[in-house]
PDB file of all heavy atoms in Angstrom:
ATOM      1  N   SER A   1     -12.287   7.151 -23.858  1.00  0.00           N
ATOM      2  CA  SER A   1     -11.811   8.092 -22.921  1.00  0.00           C
ATOM      3  C   SER A   1     -12.046   7.688 -21.503  1.00  0.00           C
ATOM      4  O   SER A   1     -11.296   7.775 -20.639  1.00  0.00           O
ATOM      5  CB  SER A   1     -12.559   9.412 -23.096  1.00  0.00           C
ATOM      6  OG  SER A   1     -12.250  10.483 -22.136  1.00  0.00           O
ATOM      7  N   ARG A   2     -13.204   7.118 -21.215  1.00  0.00           N
ATOM      8  CA  ARG A   2     -13.516   6.539 -19.855  1.00  0.00           C
ATOM      9  C   ARG A   2     -12.561   5.507 -19.441  1.00  0.00           C
ATOM     10  O   ARG A   2     -12.094   5.427 -18.297  1.00  0.00           O
ATOM     11  CB  ARG A   2     -14.965   6.170 -19.817  1.00  0.00           C
ATOM     12  CG  ARG A   2     -15.400   5.711 -18.435  1.00  0.00           C
ATOM     13  CD  ARG A   2     -16.945   5.234 -18.450  1.00  0.00           C
ATOM     14  NE  ARG A   2     -17.795   6.356 -19.037  1.00  0.00           N
ATOM     15  CZ  ARG A   2     -18.989   6.046 -19.315  1.00  0.00           C
ATOM     16  NH1 ARG A   2     -19.571   4.958 -19.165  1.00  0.00           N
ATOM     17  NH2 ARG A   2     -19.753   6.976 -19.923  1.00  0.00           N
ATOM     18  N   ARG A   3     -12.395   4.645 -20.358  1.00  0.00           N
ATOM     19  CA  ARG A   3     -11.452   3.541 -20.166  1.00  0.00           C
ATOM     20  C   ARG A   3     -10.070   4.065 -19.804  1.00  0.00           C
ATOM     21  O   ARG A   3      -9.339   3.515 -18.805  1.00  0.00           O
ATOM     22  CB  ARG A   3     -11.437   2.449 -21.243  1.00  0.00           C
ATOM     23  CG  ARG A   3     -12.741   1.613 -21.366  1.00  0.00           C
ATOM     24  CD  ARG A   3     -12.394   0.452 -22.167  1.00  0.00           C
ATOM     25  NE  ARG A   3     -11.876   0.756 -23.632  1.00  0.00           N
ATOM     26  CZ  ARG A   3     -12.680   1.080 -24.590  1.00  0.00           C
ATOM     27  NH1 ARG A   3     -13.959   0.954 -24.378  1.00  0.00           N
ATOM     28  NH2 ARG A   3     -12.189   1.399 -25.797  1.00  0.00           N
ATOM     29  N   GLN A   4      -9.624   4.984 -20.615  1.00  0.00           N
ATOM     30  CA  GLN A   4      -8.293   5.502 -20.350  1.00  0.00           C
ATOM     31  C   GLN A   4      -8.297   6.237 -19.083  1.00  0.00           C
ATOM     32  O   GLN A   4      -7.204   6.045 -18.294  1.00  0.00           O
ATOM     33  CB  GLN A   4      -7.906   6.377 -21.527  1.00  0.00           C
ATOM     34  CG  GLN A   4      -7.554   5.881 -22.786  1.00  0.00           C
ATOM     35  CD  GLN A   4      -7.154   6.738 -23.893  1.00  0.00           C
ATOM     36  OE1 GLN A   4      -7.600   7.930 -23.927  1.00  0.00           O
ATOM     37  NE2 GLN A   4      -6.158   6.263 -24.776  1.00  0.00           N
ATOM     38  N   ARG A   5      -9.191   6.950 -18.772  1.00  0.00           N
ATOM     39  CA  ARG A   5      -9.251   7.797 -17.508  1.00  0.00           C
ATOM     40  C   ARG A   5      -9.149   6.765 -16.269  1.00  0.00           C
ATOM     41  O   ARG A   5      -8.425   7.086 -15.408  1.00  0.00           O
ATOM     42  CB  ARG A   5     -10.527   8.613 -17.305  1.00  0.00           C
ATOM     43  CG  ARG A   5     -10.582   9.410 -16.077  1.00  0.00           C
ATOM     44  CD  ARG A   5     -11.807  10.375 -15.970  1.00  0.00           C
ATOM     45  NE  ARG A   5     -13.028   9.544 -15.981  1.00  0.00           N
ATOM     46  CZ  ARG A   5     -13.930   9.395 -16.983  1.00  0.00           C
ATOM     47  NH1 ARG A   5     -13.682   9.984 -18.034  1.00  0.00           N
ATOM     48  NH2 ARG A   5     -14.947   8.688 -16.778  1.00  0.00           N
ATOM     49  N   ASP A   6      -9.920   5.653 -16.354  1.00  0.00           N
ATOM     50  CA  ASP A   6      -9.929   4.671 -15.282  1.00  0.00           C
ATOM     51  C   ASP A   6      -8.548   4.112 -15.139  1.00  0.00           C
ATOM     52  O   ASP A   6      -8.086   3.883 -13.964  1.00  0.00           O
ATOM     53  CB  ASP A   6     -10.956   3.586 -15.499  1.00  0.00           C
ATOM     54  CG  ASP A   6     -12.311   4.157 -15.480  1.00  0.00           C
ATOM     55  OD1 ASP A   6     -12.567   5.150 -14.788  1.00  0.00           O
ATOM     56  OD2 ASP A   6     -13.257   3.477 -15.903  1.00  0.00           O
ATOM     57  N   MET A   7      -7.928   3.848 -16.297  1.00  0.00           N
ATOM     58  CA  MET A   7      -6.566   3.244 -16.177  1.00  0.00           C
ATOM     59  C   MET A   7      -5.570   4.163 -15.623  1.00  0.00           C
ATOM     60  O   MET A   7      -4.788   3.739 -14.796  1.00  0.00           O
ATOM     61  CB  MET A   7      -6.163   2.764 -17.581  1.00  0.00           C
ATOM     62  CG  MET A   7      -4.767   2.192 -17.685  1.00  0.00           C
ATOM     63  SD  MET A   7      -4.328   1.852 -19.483  1.00  0.00           S
ATOM     64  CE  MET A   7      -4.262   3.524 -20.077  1.00  0.00           C
ATOM     65  N   TYR A   8      -5.633   5.445 -16.021  1.00  0.00           N
ATOM     66  CA  TYR A   8      -4.731   6.418 -15.567  1.00  0.00           C
ATOM     67  C   TYR A   8      -4.887   6.667 -14.063  1.00  0.00           C
ATOM     68  O   TYR A   8      -3.891   6.820 -13.306  1.00  0.00           O
ATOM     69  CB  TYR A   8      -4.827   7.690 -16.314  1.00  0.00           C
ATOM     70  CG  TYR A   8      -4.479   7.501 -17.768  1.00  0.00           C
ATOM     71  CD1 TYR A   8      -5.092   8.382 -18.716  1.00  0.00           C
ATOM     72  CD2 TYR A   8      -3.559   6.551 -18.243  1.00  0.00           C
ATOM     73  CE1 TYR A   8      -4.804   8.232 -20.079  1.00  0.00           C
ATOM     74  CE2 TYR A   8      -3.313   6.389 -19.572  1.00  0.00           C
ATOM     75  CZ  TYR A   8      -3.942   7.237 -20.459  1.00  0.00           C
ATOM     76  OH  TYR A   8      -3.702   7.040 -21.801  1.00  0.00           O
ATOM     77  N   VAL A   9      -6.124   6.679 -13.585  1.00  0.00           N
ATOM     78  CA  VAL A   9      -6.336   6.920 -12.148  1.00  0.00           C
ATOM     79  C   VAL A   9      -5.867   5.719 -11.406  1.00  0.00           C
ATOM     80  O   VAL A   9      -5.192   5.940 -10.326  1.00  0.00           O
ATOM     81  CB  VAL A   9      -7.788   7.004 -11.864  1.00  0.00           C
ATOM     82  CG1 VAL A   9      -8.162   6.956 -10.437  1.00  0.00           C
ATOM     83  CG2 VAL A   9      -8.412   8.335 -12.463  1.00  0.00           C
ATOM     84  N   ASP A  10      -5.936   4.529 -11.892  1.00  0.00           N
ATOM     85  CA  ASP A  10      -5.361   3.433 -11.216  1.00  0.00           C
ATOM     86  C   ASP A  10      -3.846   3.387 -11.172  1.00  0.00           C
ATOM     87  O   ASP A  10      -3.216   3.121 -10.137  1.00  0.00           O
ATOM     88  CB  ASP A  10      -5.835   2.036 -11.904  1.00  0.00           C
ATOM     89  CG  ASP A  10      -5.318   0.776 -11.241  1.00  0.00           C
ATOM     90  OD1 ASP A  10      -5.609   0.519 -10.022  1.00  0.00           O
ATOM     91  OD2 ASP A  10      -4.536   0.143 -11.863  1.00  0.00           O
ATOM     92  N   ILE A  11      -3.234   3.739 -12.242  1.00  0.00           N
ATOM     93  CA  ILE A  11      -1.810   3.946 -12.282  1.00  0.00           C
ATOM     94  C   ILE A  11      -1.266   4.924 -11.271  1.00  0.00           C
ATOM     95  O   ILE A  11      -0.367   4.884 -10.588  1.00  0.00           O
ATOM     96  CB  ILE A  11      -1.298   4.260 -13.720  1.00  0.00           C
ATOM     97  CG1 ILE A  11      -1.551   3.054 -14.626  1.00  0.00           C
ATOM     98  CG2 ILE A  11       0.204   4.729 -13.812  1.00  0.00           C
ATOM     99  CD1 ILE A  11      -1.282   3.410 -16.036  1.00  0.00           C
ATOM    100  N   ASP A  12      -2.042   6.153 -11.312  1.00  0.00           N
ATOM    101  CA  ASP A  12      -1.659   7.201 -10.424  1.00  0.00           C
ATOM    102  C   ASP A  12      -1.768   6.832  -8.937  1.00  0.00           C
ATOM    103  O   ASP A  12      -0.867   7.120  -8.038  1.00  0.00           O
ATOM    104  CB  ASP A  12      -2.495   8.395 -10.616  1.00  0.00           C
ATOM    105  CG  ASP A  12      -2.183   9.584  -9.825  1.00  0.00           C
ATOM    106  OD1 ASP A  12      -0.994  10.184 -10.019  1.00  0.00           O
ATOM    107  OD2 ASP A  12      -2.912  10.089  -8.953  1.00  0.00           O
ATOM    108  N   SER A  13      -2.816   6.074  -8.607  1.00  0.00           N
ATOM    109  CA  SER A  13      -2.966   5.640  -7.216  1.00  0.00           C
ATOM    110  C   SER A  13      -1.807   4.608  -6.786  1.00  0.00           C
ATOM    111  O   SER A  13      -1.280   4.666  -5.710  1.00  0.00           O
ATOM    112  CB  SER A  13      -4.312   4.975  -6.944  1.00  0.00           C
ATOM    113  OG  SER A  13      -4.398   3.842  -7.789  1.00  0.00           O
ATOM    114  N   ARG A  14      -1.446   3.784  -7.755  1.00  0.00           N
ATOM    115  CA  ARG A  14      -0.297   2.850  -7.484  1.00  0.00           C
ATOM    116  C   ARG A  14       0.938   3.602  -7.286  1.00  0.00           C
ATOM    117  O   ARG A  14       1.765   3.283  -6.416  1.00  0.00           O
ATOM    118  CB  ARG A  14      -0.242   1.844  -8.629  1.00  0.00           C
ATOM    119  CG  ARG A  14      -1.390   0.904  -8.696  1.00  0.00           C
ATOM    120  CD  ARG A  14      -1.180  -0.145  -9.653  1.00  0.00           C
ATOM    121  NE  ARG A  14      -2.469  -0.994  -9.916  1.00  0.00           N
ATOM    122  CZ  ARG A  14      -2.401  -2.196 -10.333  1.00  0.00           C
ATOM    123  NH1 ARG A  14      -1.333  -2.800 -10.559  1.00  0.00           N
ATOM    124  NH2 ARG A  14      -3.588  -2.829 -10.399  1.00  0.00           N
ATOM    125  N   LEU A  15       1.252   4.605  -8.093  1.00  0.00           N
ATOM    126  CA  LEU A  15       2.445   5.322  -7.983  1.00  0.00           C
ATOM    127  C   LEU A  15       2.450   6.071  -6.601  1.00  0.00           C
ATOM    128  O   LEU A  15       3.578   6.145  -5.944  1.00  0.00           O
ATOM    129  CB  LEU A  15       2.580   6.341  -9.075  1.00  0.00           C
ATOM    130  CG  LEU A  15       2.883   5.795 -10.537  1.00  0.00           C
ATOM    131  CD1 LEU A  15       2.806   6.857 -11.524  1.00  0.00           C
ATOM    132  CD2 LEU A  15       4.315   5.080 -10.506  1.00  0.00           C
ATOM    133  N   LYS A  16       1.391   6.571  -6.164  1.00  0.00           N
ATOM    134  CA  LYS A  16       1.402   7.301  -4.893  1.00  0.00           C
ATOM    135  C   LYS A  16       1.709   6.247  -3.734  1.00  0.00           C
ATOM    136  O   LYS A  16       2.352   6.655  -2.794  1.00  0.00           O
ATOM    137  CB  LYS A  16       0.005   7.966  -4.703  1.00  0.00           C
ATOM    138  CG  LYS A  16      -0.205   9.263  -5.629  1.00  0.00           C
ATOM    139  CD  LYS A  16      -1.501   9.817  -5.322  1.00  0.00           C
ATOM    140  CE  LYS A  16      -1.689  11.080  -6.174  1.00  0.00           C
ATOM    141  NZ  LYS A  16      -3.133  11.686  -5.974  1.00  0.00           N
ATOM    142  N   ARG A  17       1.127   5.129  -3.861  1.00  0.00           N
ATOM    143  CA  ARG A  17       1.459   4.186  -2.789  1.00  0.00           C
ATOM    144  C   ARG A  17       2.842   3.824  -2.756  1.00  0.00           C
ATOM    145  O   ARG A  17       3.525   3.586  -1.737  1.00  0.00           O
ATOM    146  CB  ARG A  17       0.614   2.851  -3.044  1.00  0.00           C
ATOM    147  CG  ARG A  17      -0.886   3.082  -2.682  1.00  0.00           C
ATOM    148  CD  ARG A  17      -1.584   1.722  -2.483  1.00  0.00           C
ATOM    149  NE  ARG A  17      -1.454   0.945  -3.701  1.00  0.00           N
ATOM    150  CZ  ARG A  17      -2.330   0.980  -4.674  1.00  0.00           C
ATOM    151  NH1 ARG A  17      -3.368   1.832  -4.548  1.00  0.00           N
ATOM    152  NH2 ARG A  17      -2.244   0.201  -5.727  1.00  0.00           N
ATOM    153  N   LEU A  18       3.558   3.637  -3.986  1.00  0.00           N
ATOM    154  CA  LEU A  18       4.944   3.389  -4.066  1.00  0.00           C
ATOM    155  C   LEU A  18       5.833   4.471  -3.422  1.00  0.00           C
ATOM    156  O   LEU A  18       6.843   4.278  -2.867  1.00  0.00           O
ATOM    157  CB  LEU A  18       5.390   3.049  -5.396  1.00  0.00           C
ATOM    158  CG  LEU A  18       4.822   1.740  -5.951  1.00  0.00           C
ATOM    159  CD1 LEU A  18       5.166   1.686  -7.475  1.00  0.00           C
ATOM    160  CD2 LEU A  18       5.421   0.622  -5.222  1.00  0.00           C
ATOM    161  N   GLU A  19       5.264   5.764  -3.717  1.00  0.00           N
ATOM    162  CA  GLU A  19       6.075   6.991  -3.131  1.00  0.00           C
ATOM    163  C   GLU A  19       6.046   7.069  -1.690  1.00  0.00           C
ATOM    164  O   GLU A  19       6.895   7.730  -1.047  1.00  0.00           O
ATOM    165  CB  GLU A  19       5.570   8.227  -3.832  1.00  0.00           C
ATOM    166  CG  GLU A  19       5.890   8.228  -5.364  1.00  0.00           C
ATOM    167  CD  GLU A  19       5.217   9.409  -5.978  1.00  0.00           C
ATOM    168  OE1 GLU A  19       4.392  10.093  -5.404  1.00  0.00           O
ATOM    169  OE2 GLU A  19       5.397   9.434  -7.277  1.00  0.00           O
ATOM    170  N   GLN A  20       5.049   6.481  -0.988  1.00  0.00           N
ATOM    171  CA  GLN A  20       4.908   6.635   0.423  1.00  0.00           C
ATOM    172  C   GLN A  20       6.046   5.901   1.090  1.00  0.00           C
ATOM    173  O   GLN A  20       6.477   4.910   0.688  1.00  0.00           O
ATOM    174  CB  GLN A  20       3.592   6.141   0.943  1.00  0.00           C
ATOM    175  CG  GLN A  20       2.359   6.938   0.454  1.00  0.00           C
ATOM    176  CD  GLN A  20       1.050   6.314   0.903  1.00  0.00           C
ATOM    177  OE1 GLN A  20       1.047   5.127   1.295  1.00  0.00           O
ATOM    178  NE2 GLN A  20      -0.007   6.983   0.599  1.00  0.00           N
ATOM    179  N   PRO A  21       6.620   6.493   2.312  1.00  0.00           N
ATOM    180  CA  PRO A  21       7.653   5.789   2.980  1.00  0.00           C
ATOM    181  C   PRO A  21       7.305   4.384   3.388  1.00  0.00           C
ATOM    182  O   PRO A  21       6.275   4.186   3.908  1.00  0.00           O
ATOM    183  CB  PRO A  21       7.896   6.650   4.132  1.00  0.00           C
ATOM    184  CG  PRO A  21       7.378   8.015   3.819  1.00  0.00           C
ATOM    185  CD  PRO A  21       6.215   7.797   2.934  1.00  0.00           C
ATOM    186  N   ALA A  22       8.058   3.461   2.915  1.00  0.00           N
ATOM    187  CA  ALA A  22       7.783   2.068   3.117  1.00  0.00           C
ATOM    188  C   ALA A  22       7.713   1.687   4.650  1.00  0.00           C
ATOM    189  O   ALA A  22       7.068   0.836   5.073  1.00  0.00           O
ATOM    190  CB  ALA A  22       8.724   1.119   2.322  1.00  0.00           C
ATOM    191  N   ALA A  23       8.577   2.393   5.395  1.00  0.00           N
ATOM    192  CA  ALA A  23       8.799   2.114   6.879  1.00  0.00           C
ATOM    193  C   ALA A  23       7.853   2.820   7.727  1.00  0.00           C
ATOM    194  O   ALA A  23       7.908   2.649   8.874  1.00  0.00           O
ATOM    195  CB  ALA A  23      10.254   2.345   7.189  1.00  0.00           C
ATOM    196  N   ALA A  24       7.049   3.750   7.173  1.00  0.00           N
ATOM    197  CA  ALA A  24       6.256   4.643   7.997  1.00  0.00           C
ATOM    198  C   ALA A  24       5.236   3.770   8.783  1.00  0.00           C
ATOM    199  O   ALA A  24       4.517   2.915   8.223  1.00  0.00           O
ATOM    200  CB  ALA A  24       5.507   5.641   7.198  1.00  0.00           C
ATOM    201  N   GLY A  25       5.316   3.852  10.130  1.00  0.00           N
ATOM    202  CA  GLY A  25       4.362   3.093  10.963  1.00  0.00           C
ATOM    203  C   GLY A  25       4.701   1.611  11.161  1.00  0.00           C
ATOM    204  O   GLY A  25       3.933   0.884  11.743  1.00  0.00           O
ATOM    205  N   ALA A  26       5.853   1.090  10.429  1.00  0.00           N
ATOM    206  CA  ALA A  26       6.180  -0.270  10.515  1.00  0.00           C
ATOM    207  C   ALA A  26       7.097  -0.599  11.637  1.00  0.00           C
ATOM    208  O   ALA A  26       7.905   0.234  12.070  1.00  0.00           O
ATOM    209  CB  ALA A  26       6.798  -0.713   9.181  1.00  0.00           C
ATOM    210  N   ALA A  27       7.070  -1.728  12.028  1.00  0.00           N
ATOM    211  CA  ALA A  27       8.034  -2.141  13.201  1.00  0.00           C
ATOM    212  C   ALA A  27       9.465  -2.326  12.592  1.00  0.00           C
ATOM    213  O   ALA A  27       9.601  -2.517  11.441  1.00  0.00           O
ATOM    214  CB  ALA A  27       7.563  -3.405  13.749  1.00  0.00           C
ATOM    215  N   PRO A  28      10.479  -2.170  13.432  1.00  0.00           N
ATOM    216  CA  PRO A  28      11.837  -2.315  12.887  1.00  0.00           C
ATOM    217  C   PRO A  28      12.041  -3.743  12.249  1.00  0.00           C
ATOM    218  O   PRO A  28      11.321  -4.668  12.639  1.00  0.00           O
ATOM    219  CB  PRO A  28      12.705  -2.191  14.201  1.00  0.00           C
ATOM    220  CG  PRO A  28      11.924  -1.399  15.047  1.00  0.00           C
ATOM    221  CD  PRO A  28      10.444  -1.821  14.846  1.00  0.00           C
ATOM    222  N   ALA A  29      12.959  -3.753  11.407  1.00  0.00           N
ATOM    223  CA  ALA A  29      13.184  -5.009  10.672  1.00  0.00           C
ATOM    224  C   ALA A  29      13.476  -6.221  11.682  1.00  0.00           C
ATOM    225  O   ALA A  29      14.341  -5.992  12.646  1.00  0.00           O
ATOM    226  CB  ALA A  29      14.442  -4.936   9.690  1.00  0.00           C
ATOM    227  N   GLY A  30      12.992  -7.167  11.510  1.00  0.00           N
ATOM    228  CA  GLY A  30      13.179  -8.396  12.389  1.00  0.00           C
ATOM    229  C   GLY A  30      12.295  -8.546  13.555  1.00  0.00           C
ATOM    230  O   GLY A  30      12.379  -9.462  14.263  1.00  0.00           O
ATOM    231  N   THR A  31      11.469  -7.483  13.924  1.00  0.00           N
ATOM    232  CA  THR A  31      10.605  -7.484  15.007  1.00  0.00           C
ATOM    233  C   THR A  31       9.395  -8.163  14.655  1.00  0.00           C
ATOM    234  O   THR A  31       8.699  -7.868  13.626  1.00  0.00           O
ATOM    235  CB  THR A  31      10.289  -6.070  15.423  1.00  0.00           C
ATOM    236  OG1 THR A  31      11.448  -5.411  15.623  1.00  0.00           O
ATOM    237  CG2 THR A  31       9.259  -6.020  16.633  1.00  0.00           C
ATOM    238  N   PRO A  32       8.987  -9.284  15.467  1.00  0.00           N
ATOM    239  CA  PRO A  32       7.784  -9.984  15.036  1.00  0.00           C
ATOM    240  C   PRO A  32       6.533  -9.132  15.291  1.00  0.00           C
ATOM    241  O   PRO A  32       6.567  -8.298  16.247  1.00  0.00           O
ATOM    242  CB  PRO A  32       7.871 -11.279  15.912  1.00  0.00           C
ATOM    243  CG  PRO A  32       8.739 -10.768  17.139  1.00  0.00           C
ATOM    244  CD  PRO A  32       9.659  -9.788  16.504  1.00  0.00           C
ATOM    245  N   PRO A  33       5.376  -9.348  14.592  1.00  0.00           N
ATOM    246  CA  PRO A  33       4.232  -8.628  14.968  1.00  0.00           C
ATOM    247  C   PRO A  33       3.714  -8.925  16.276  1.00  0.00           C
ATOM    248  O   PRO A  33       3.851  -9.999  16.814  1.00  0.00           O
ATOM    249  CB  PRO A  33       3.335  -9.092  13.844  1.00  0.00           C
ATOM    250  CG  PRO A  33       3.750 -10.437  13.443  1.00  0.00           C
ATOM    251  CD  PRO A  33       5.355 -10.443  13.537  1.00  0.00           C
ATOM    252  N   ALA A  34       3.017  -7.882  16.795  1.00  0.00           N
ATOM    253  CA  ALA A  34       2.550  -8.119  18.199  1.00  0.00           C
ATOM    254  C   ALA A  34       1.356  -9.003  18.223  1.00  0.00           C
ATOM    255  O   ALA A  34       0.603  -9.247  17.210  1.00  0.00           O
ATOM    256  CB  ALA A  34       1.974  -6.751  18.731  1.00  0.00           C
ATOM    257  N   ALA A  35       1.168  -9.690  19.328  1.00  0.00           N
ATOM    258  CA  ALA A  35       0.127 -10.744  19.321  1.00  0.00           C
ATOM    259  C   ALA A  35      -1.249 -10.043  19.149  1.00  0.00           C
ATOM    260  O   ALA A  35      -1.534  -9.065  19.765  1.00  0.00           O
ATOM    261  CB  ALA A  35       0.154 -11.463  20.841  1.00  0.00           C
ATOM    262  N   GLY A  36      -2.059 -10.652  18.325  1.00  0.00           N
ATOM    263  CA  GLY A  36      -3.372 -10.134  17.991  1.00  0.00           C
ATOM    264  C   GLY A  36      -3.373  -9.051  16.993  1.00  0.00           C
ATOM    265  O   GLY A  36      -4.423  -8.557  16.764  1.00  0.00           O
ATOM    266  N   ALA A  37      -2.260  -8.659  16.526  1.00  0.00           N
ATOM    267  CA  ALA A  37      -2.181  -7.537  15.640  1.00  0.00           C
ATOM    268  C   ALA A  37      -2.803  -8.017  14.383  1.00  0.00           C
ATOM    269  O   ALA A  37      -2.580  -9.064  13.884  1.00  0.00           O
ATOM    270  CB  ALA A  37      -0.795  -7.010  15.438  1.00  0.00           C
ATOM    271  N   ALA A  38      -3.625  -7.068  13.635  1.00  0.00           N
ATOM    272  CA  ALA A  38      -4.165  -7.413  12.358  1.00  0.00           C
ATOM    273  C   ALA A  38      -3.163  -7.495  11.303  1.00  0.00           C
ATOM    274  O   ALA A  38      -2.182  -6.797  11.327  1.00  0.00           O
ATOM    275  CB  ALA A  38      -5.110  -6.285  12.104  1.00  0.00           C
ATOM    276  N   PRO A  39      -3.209  -8.434  10.465  1.00  0.00           N
ATOM    277  CA  PRO A  39      -2.284  -8.490   9.344  1.00  0.00           C
ATOM    278  C   PRO A  39      -2.343  -7.302   8.419  1.00  0.00           C
ATOM    279  O   PRO A  39      -3.434  -6.564   8.390  1.00  0.00           O
ATOM    280  CB  PRO A  39      -2.836  -9.752   8.536  1.00  0.00           C
ATOM    281  CG  PRO A  39      -4.310  -9.848   8.958  1.00  0.00           C
ATOM    282  CD  PRO A  39      -4.455  -9.417  10.273  1.00  0.00           C
ATOM    283  N   ALA A  40      -1.274  -7.013   7.683  1.00  0.00           N
ATOM    284  CA  ALA A  40      -1.333  -5.978   6.717  1.00  0.00           C
ATOM    285  C   ALA A  40      -2.378  -6.024   5.825  1.00  0.00           C
ATOM    286  O   ALA A  40      -2.749  -7.031   5.324  1.00  0.00           O
ATOM    287  CB  ALA A  40       0.124  -5.789   6.108  1.00  0.00           C
ATOM    288  N   ALA A  41      -2.947  -4.778   5.390  1.00  0.00           N
ATOM    289  CA  ALA A  41      -3.997  -4.847   4.436  1.00  0.00           C
ATOM    290  C   ALA A  41      -3.477  -5.296   3.062  1.00  0.00           C
ATOM    291  O   ALA A  41      -2.409  -5.151   2.691  1.00  0.00           O
ATOM    292  CB  ALA A  41      -4.448  -3.397   4.223  1.00  0.00           C
ATOM    293  N   ALA A  42      -4.324  -6.092   2.460  1.00  0.00           N
ATOM    294  CA  ALA A  42      -3.936  -6.741   1.175  1.00  0.00           C
ATOM    295  C   ALA A  42      -4.046  -5.609   0.151  1.00  0.00           C
ATOM    296  O   ALA A  42      -4.571  -4.535   0.389  1.00  0.00           O
ATOM    297  CB  ALA A  42      -4.906  -7.853   0.880  1.00  0.00           C
ATOM    298  N   ALA A  43      -3.303  -5.824  -0.915  1.00  0.00           N
ATOM    299  CA  ALA A  43      -3.407  -4.805  -2.032  1.00  0.00           C
ATOM    300  C   ALA A  43      -4.761  -4.603  -2.431  1.00  0.00           C
ATOM    301  O   ALA A  43      -5.625  -5.446  -2.512  1.00  0.00           O
ATOM    302  CB  ALA A  43      -2.504  -5.389  -3.278  1.00  0.00           C
ATOM    303  N   PRO A  44      -5.221  -3.384  -2.779  1.00  0.00           N
ATOM    304  CA  PRO A  44      -6.473  -3.109  -3.219  1.00  0.00           C
ATOM    305  C   PRO A  44      -6.874  -3.965  -4.388  1.00  0.00           C
ATOM    306  O   PRO A  44      -6.053  -4.327  -5.191  1.00  0.00           O
ATOM    307  CB  PRO A  44      -6.404  -1.581  -3.726  1.00  0.00           C
ATOM    308  CG  PRO A  44      -5.276  -1.108  -2.985  1.00  0.00           C
ATOM    309  CD  PRO A  44      -4.221  -2.149  -2.835  1.00  0.00           C
ATOM    310  N   ALA A  45      -8.136  -4.268  -4.360  1.00  0.00           N
ATOM    311  CA  ALA A  45      -8.673  -5.182  -5.509  1.00  0.00           C
ATOM    312  C   ALA A  45      -8.580  -4.339  -6.846  1.00  0.00           C
ATOM    313  O   ALA A  45      -8.585  -3.146  -6.829  1.00  0.00           O
ATOM    314  CB  ALA A  45     -10.144  -5.567  -5.248  1.00  0.00           C
TER     315      ALA A  45
END
């Protein structure tokens, strides 16, 4: 049960990330990142 719960929580979190607007807070297409800007966060471990 614990393994299934952990797996379902992980799946649910991934689905929520996919549902979020991909462009929210992102620069328009083709705009280079500002100097010194931090790179996008890597996918959660």
